[in-house]
Amino acid sequence: DELLHELGGSERVAEMTGRSHRMVKGQGRTWESEKRKKDNVRERQMFQDGEKRVAIISEAASTGISLHADRRAKTHHKR
């Protein structure tokens, strides 16, 4: 959660995990629990399209997911 926060938060980082909650930095130095939408397919697409430049993926979510550059994606950045 701290890594996700340091890399720009859920607005900039695609998180593909099986988690239903995550910790987000609240006011000051406190961390608060936040419900997470488990939409790994959408997160993957946002990463592939360049809307999110960083992806965090867990072993549980990695089965069957490819993050390689794809001709069908909006962007063709090296991954």
N, C-alpha and C. Protein backbone atom coordinates (compact mmCIF):
# COMPACT_ATOMS: atom_id res chain seq x y z
N ASP A 1 0.82 -1.20 0.00
CA ASP A 1 0.00 0.00 0.00
C ASP A 1 0.86 1.26 0.00
N GLU A 2 1.98 1.19 0.74
CA GLU A 2 2.87 2.34 0.76
C GLU A 2 3.51 2.54 -0.61
N LEU A 3 3.88 1.46 -1.28
CA LEU A 3 4.45 1.55 -2.62
C LEU A 3 3.43 2.15 -3.59
N LEU A 4 2.21 1.68 -3.53
CA LEU A 4 1.15 2.20 -4.39
C LEU A 4 0.98 3.70 -4.15
N HIS A 5 1.00 4.11 -2.90
CA HIS A 5 0.88 5.52 -2.54
C HIS A 5 2.04 6.34 -3.11
N GLU A 6 3.27 5.85 -2.95
CA GLU A 6 4.45 6.57 -3.41
C GLU A 6 4.50 6.69 -4.94
N LEU A 7 3.89 5.74 -5.64
CA LEU A 7 3.91 5.77 -7.11
C LEU A 7 2.76 6.58 -7.71
N GLY A 8 1.93 7.17 -6.87
CA GLY A 8 0.89 8.07 -7.38
C GLY A 8 -0.53 7.70 -6.98
N GLY A 9 -0.70 6.61 -6.23
CA GLY A 9 -2.03 6.23 -5.79
C GLY A 9 -2.82 5.49 -6.85
N SER A 10 -4.04 5.13 -6.52
CA SER A 10 -4.86 4.32 -7.41
C SER A 10 -5.27 5.05 -8.69
N GLU A 11 -5.12 6.37 -8.72
CA GLU A 11 -5.44 7.12 -9.94
C GLU A 11 -4.37 6.92 -11.01
N ARG A 12 -3.14 6.58 -10.59
CA ARG A 12 -2.02 6.47 -11.53
C ARG A 12 -1.44 5.07 -11.62
N VAL A 13 -1.82 4.18 -10.69
CA VAL A 13 -1.25 2.84 -10.64
C VAL A 13 -2.35 1.80 -10.84
N ALA A 14 -2.12 0.90 -11.79
CA ALA A 14 -3.05 -0.21 -12.01
C ALA A 14 -2.73 -1.30 -11.00
N GLU A 15 -3.67 -1.63 -10.14
CA GLU A 15 -3.48 -2.68 -9.14
C GLU A 15 -4.29 -3.89 -9.55
N MET A 16 -3.59 -4.98 -9.84
CA MET A 16 -4.25 -6.23 -10.21
C MET A 16 -3.94 -7.26 -9.15
N THR A 17 -4.84 -7.37 -8.20
CA THR A 17 -4.68 -8.29 -7.07
C THR A 17 -6.05 -8.89 -6.75
N GLY A 18 -6.06 -9.75 -5.78
CA GLY A 18 -7.32 -10.32 -5.32
C GLY A 18 -7.85 -9.62 -4.07
N ARG A 19 -7.23 -8.51 -3.71
CA ARG A 19 -7.62 -7.83 -2.47
C ARG A 19 -8.96 -7.11 -2.61
N SER A 20 -9.72 -7.12 -1.52
CA SER A 20 -11.00 -6.42 -1.52
C SER A 20 -10.89 -5.05 -0.84
N HIS A 21 -9.82 -4.83 -0.07
CA HIS A 21 -9.58 -3.56 0.61
C HIS A 21 -8.12 -3.18 0.44
N ARG A 22 -7.84 -1.90 0.57
CA ARG A 22 -6.46 -1.42 0.58
C ARG A 22 -6.37 -0.28 1.58
N MET A 23 -5.16 -0.01 2.01
CA MET A 23 -4.93 1.08 2.93
C MET A 23 -4.52 2.32 2.12
N VAL A 24 -5.16 3.44 2.41
CA VAL A 24 -4.83 4.71 1.74
C VAL A 24 -4.45 5.73 2.80
N LYS A 25 -3.56 6.62 2.41
CA LYS A 25 -3.12 7.64 3.34
C LYS A 25 -4.21 8.69 3.49
N GLY A 26 -4.64 8.89 4.71
CA GLY A 26 -5.68 9.88 5.00
C GLY A 26 -5.06 11.21 5.37
N GLN A 27 -5.78 11.99 6.14
CA GLN A 27 -5.28 13.28 6.59
C GLN A 27 -4.08 13.07 7.51
N GLY A 28 -3.06 13.87 7.31
CA GLY A 28 -1.87 13.74 8.14
C GLY A 28 -1.10 12.48 7.80
N ARG A 29 -0.73 11.72 8.82
CA ARG A 29 0.07 10.51 8.62
C ARG A 29 -0.73 9.24 8.85
N THR A 30 -2.04 9.35 8.96
CA THR A 30 -2.84 8.17 9.25
C THR A 30 -3.18 7.40 7.98
N TRP A 31 -3.33 6.10 8.11
CA TRP A 31 -3.73 5.23 7.01
C TRP A 31 -5.14 4.75 7.30
N GLU A 32 -5.98 4.72 6.28
CA GLU A 32 -7.37 4.30 6.44
C GLU A 32 -7.68 3.19 5.45
N SER A 33 -8.56 2.29 5.85
CA SER A 33 -8.97 1.20 4.98
C SER A 33 -9.99 1.71 3.95
N GLU A 34 -9.83 1.27 2.70
CA GLU A 34 -10.73 1.69 1.63
C GLU A 34 -11.15 0.45 0.85
N LYS A 35 -12.43 0.34 0.57
CA LYS A 35 -12.93 -0.77 -0.23
C LYS A 35 -12.42 -0.61 -1.66
N ARG A 36 -11.98 -1.71 -2.23
CA ARG A 36 -11.40 -1.69 -3.57
C ARG A 36 -12.31 -2.43 -4.53
N LYS A 37 -12.56 -1.84 -5.70
CA LYS A 37 -13.30 -2.54 -6.74
C LYS A 37 -12.35 -3.57 -7.35
N LYS A 38 -12.73 -4.83 -7.31
CA LYS A 38 -11.87 -5.86 -7.87
C LYS A 38 -12.16 -6.00 -9.36
N ASP A 39 -11.67 -5.05 -10.14
CA ASP A 39 -11.88 -5.05 -11.58
C ASP A 39 -10.53 -5.12 -12.28
N ASN A 40 -9.89 -6.28 -12.17
CA ASN A 40 -8.55 -6.45 -12.72
C ASN A 40 -8.52 -6.30 -14.24
N VAL A 41 -9.60 -6.66 -14.90
CA VAL A 41 -9.64 -6.55 -16.37
C VAL A 41 -9.60 -5.07 -16.76
N ARG A 42 -10.37 -4.24 -16.08
CA ARG A 42 -10.36 -2.80 -16.38
C ARG A 42 -9.02 -2.18 -16.04
N GLU A 43 -8.43 -2.57 -14.91
CA GLU A 43 -7.12 -2.04 -14.53
C GLU A 43 -6.08 -2.42 -15.58
N ARG A 44 -6.12 -3.64 -16.07
CA ARG A 44 -5.20 -4.10 -17.11
C ARG A 44 -5.38 -3.26 -18.37
N GLN A 45 -6.62 -3.02 -18.77
CA GLN A 45 -6.88 -2.25 -19.99
C GLN A 45 -6.38 -0.82 -19.84
N MET A 46 -6.57 -0.23 -18.67
CA MET A 46 -6.09 1.14 -18.44
C MET A 46 -4.56 1.19 -18.52
N PHE A 47 -3.90 0.14 -18.04
CA PHE A 47 -2.45 0.08 -18.15
C PHE A 47 -2.03 -0.08 -19.61
N GLN A 48 -2.68 -0.97 -20.33
CA GLN A 48 -2.36 -1.22 -21.73
C GLN A 48 -2.61 0.03 -22.59
N ASP A 49 -3.62 0.81 -22.25
CA ASP A 49 -3.96 2.01 -23.01
C ASP A 49 -3.14 3.23 -22.61
N GLY A 50 -2.28 3.09 -21.61
CA GLY A 50 -1.43 4.20 -21.19
C GLY A 50 -2.08 5.16 -20.23
N GLU A 51 -3.30 4.86 -19.77
CA GLU A 51 -3.97 5.72 -18.80
C GLU A 51 -3.29 5.63 -17.44
N LYS A 52 -2.71 4.47 -17.14
CA LYS A 52 -1.93 4.25 -15.93
C LYS A 52 -0.59 3.70 -16.39
N ARG A 53 0.51 4.34 -15.96
CA ARG A 53 1.84 3.98 -16.45
C ARG A 53 2.54 2.93 -15.58
N VAL A 54 1.98 2.61 -14.42
CA VAL A 54 2.58 1.65 -13.50
C VAL A 54 1.55 0.57 -13.20
N ALA A 55 2.02 -0.69 -13.14
CA ALA A 55 1.13 -1.79 -12.78
C ALA A 55 1.73 -2.57 -11.63
N ILE A 56 0.91 -2.86 -10.64
CA ILE A 56 1.29 -3.74 -9.54
C ILE A 56 0.39 -4.96 -9.67
N ILE A 57 1.00 -6.13 -9.77
CA ILE A 57 0.24 -7.36 -9.99
C ILE A 57 0.70 -8.41 -9.00
N SER A 58 -0.26 -9.11 -8.41
CA SER A 58 0.08 -10.18 -7.48
C SER A 58 0.12 -11.51 -8.22
N GLU A 59 0.71 -12.50 -7.59
CA GLU A 59 0.78 -13.83 -8.20
C GLU A 59 -0.62 -14.37 -8.45
N ALA A 60 -1.53 -14.12 -7.53
CA ALA A 60 -2.90 -14.62 -7.67
C ALA A 60 -3.60 -14.03 -8.90
N ALA A 61 -3.33 -12.78 -9.21
CA ALA A 61 -4.00 -12.13 -10.34
C ALA A 61 -3.26 -12.32 -11.66
N SER A 62 -2.04 -12.84 -11.61
CA SER A 62 -1.23 -12.90 -12.82
C SER A 62 -1.61 -14.04 -13.76
N THR A 63 -2.36 -15.00 -13.30
CA THR A 63 -2.73 -16.13 -14.14
C THR A 63 -3.58 -15.67 -15.32
N GLY A 64 -3.07 -15.89 -16.51
CA GLY A 64 -3.81 -15.56 -17.72
C GLY A 64 -3.75 -14.12 -18.16
N ILE A 65 -3.02 -13.26 -17.44
CA ILE A 65 -2.94 -11.84 -17.80
C ILE A 65 -1.59 -11.58 -18.47
N SER A 66 -1.61 -10.92 -19.61
CA SER A 66 -0.39 -10.52 -20.29
C SER A 66 -0.31 -9.00 -20.29
N LEU A 67 0.83 -8.47 -19.89
CA LEU A 67 1.04 -7.02 -19.89
C LEU A 67 2.03 -6.60 -20.97
N HIS A 68 2.31 -7.48 -21.90
CA HIS A 68 3.21 -7.14 -23.00
C HIS A 68 2.55 -6.11 -23.90
N ALA A 69 3.37 -5.38 -24.64
CA ALA A 69 2.85 -4.42 -25.60
C ALA A 69 1.93 -5.17 -26.58
N ASP A 70 0.84 -4.55 -26.91
CA ASP A 70 -0.18 -5.19 -27.75
C ASP A 70 -0.57 -4.22 -28.86
N ARG A 71 -0.59 -4.70 -30.08
CA ARG A 71 -0.95 -3.85 -31.22
C ARG A 71 -2.37 -3.31 -31.10
N ARG A 72 -3.23 -4.01 -30.38
CA ARG A 72 -4.62 -3.58 -30.24
C ARG A 72 -4.79 -2.48 -29.20
N ALA A 73 -3.78 -2.26 -28.35
CA ALA A 73 -3.87 -1.25 -27.30
C ALA A 73 -3.68 0.14 -27.91
N LYS A 74 -4.15 1.16 -27.20
CA LYS A 74 -4.04 2.54 -27.68
C LYS A 74 -2.58 2.99 -27.75
N THR A 75 -1.74 2.51 -26.83
CA THR A 75 -0.33 2.88 -26.83
C THR A 75 0.52 1.63 -27.02
N HIS A 76 1.71 1.82 -27.55
CA HIS A 76 2.61 0.71 -27.80
C HIS A 76 3.92 0.88 -27.06
N HIS A 77 3.86 1.51 -25.87
CA HIS A 77 5.08 1.72 -25.08
C HIS A 77 5.69 0.38 -24.72
N LYS A 78 7.02 0.37 -24.60
CA LYS A 78 7.69 -0.83 -24.12
C LYS A 78 7.26 -1.05 -22.69
N ARG A 79 7.09 -2.29 -22.32
CA ARG A 79 6.66 -2.62 -20.97
C ARG A 79 7.84 -3.14 -20.17
